[in-house]
Amino acid sequence: MEYRRFNNKIVARIDKGEEILDAIKEIALKEDIKLANLNALGAVGEFTVGVLKTKEKKYYSNDFSGDFEIVSLTGTINTMNNEFYCHLHMSAGDAEGRVFGGHLNRAVVSATCELIIDIIDGKVDRIFNEEVGLNLFNFN
């Protein structure tokens, strides 16, 4: 992985064999990012995405492997209990044009991943919400 920072924007290249969430965490910790929006595109060979069943308050994950193009990878970097926290969703398409996606748990780059992080001045922590079953933005 390589990246450059331009004021409040980071442009990064995540390389073949690297895991996307690990690379994002490495950048965020190194650059002391507390709040940011991000998006990316590229190609992955393995990924795991999940869907929350709201009535059960439980995630169900699906694993994929093969040749996939990232159609959309978007999300936020912030904190929970003052520690790094990242919430991403990804959609990826196969050779037949089928797209699979959801909450991103893991993605291994197969060619490259081009990532843009837009740093926001400020901080928003998260707190677990029992009713919803998720870690939500906490503005207190």
Foldseek 3Di string as FASTA:
>chain_A
DDWDDDPQKIKDKDFAFDKDVVVVLVVCVVVVFAKWKKKKWAWFFKWKAWDQPQVVLDIDIDIGGDTKTWPIKIWMWHAAPNHTDTWIKTWIADPVGDIDIHTTDITGHHGMMIMMIRGDPDHWYWDQDPNRNDTHTDPD
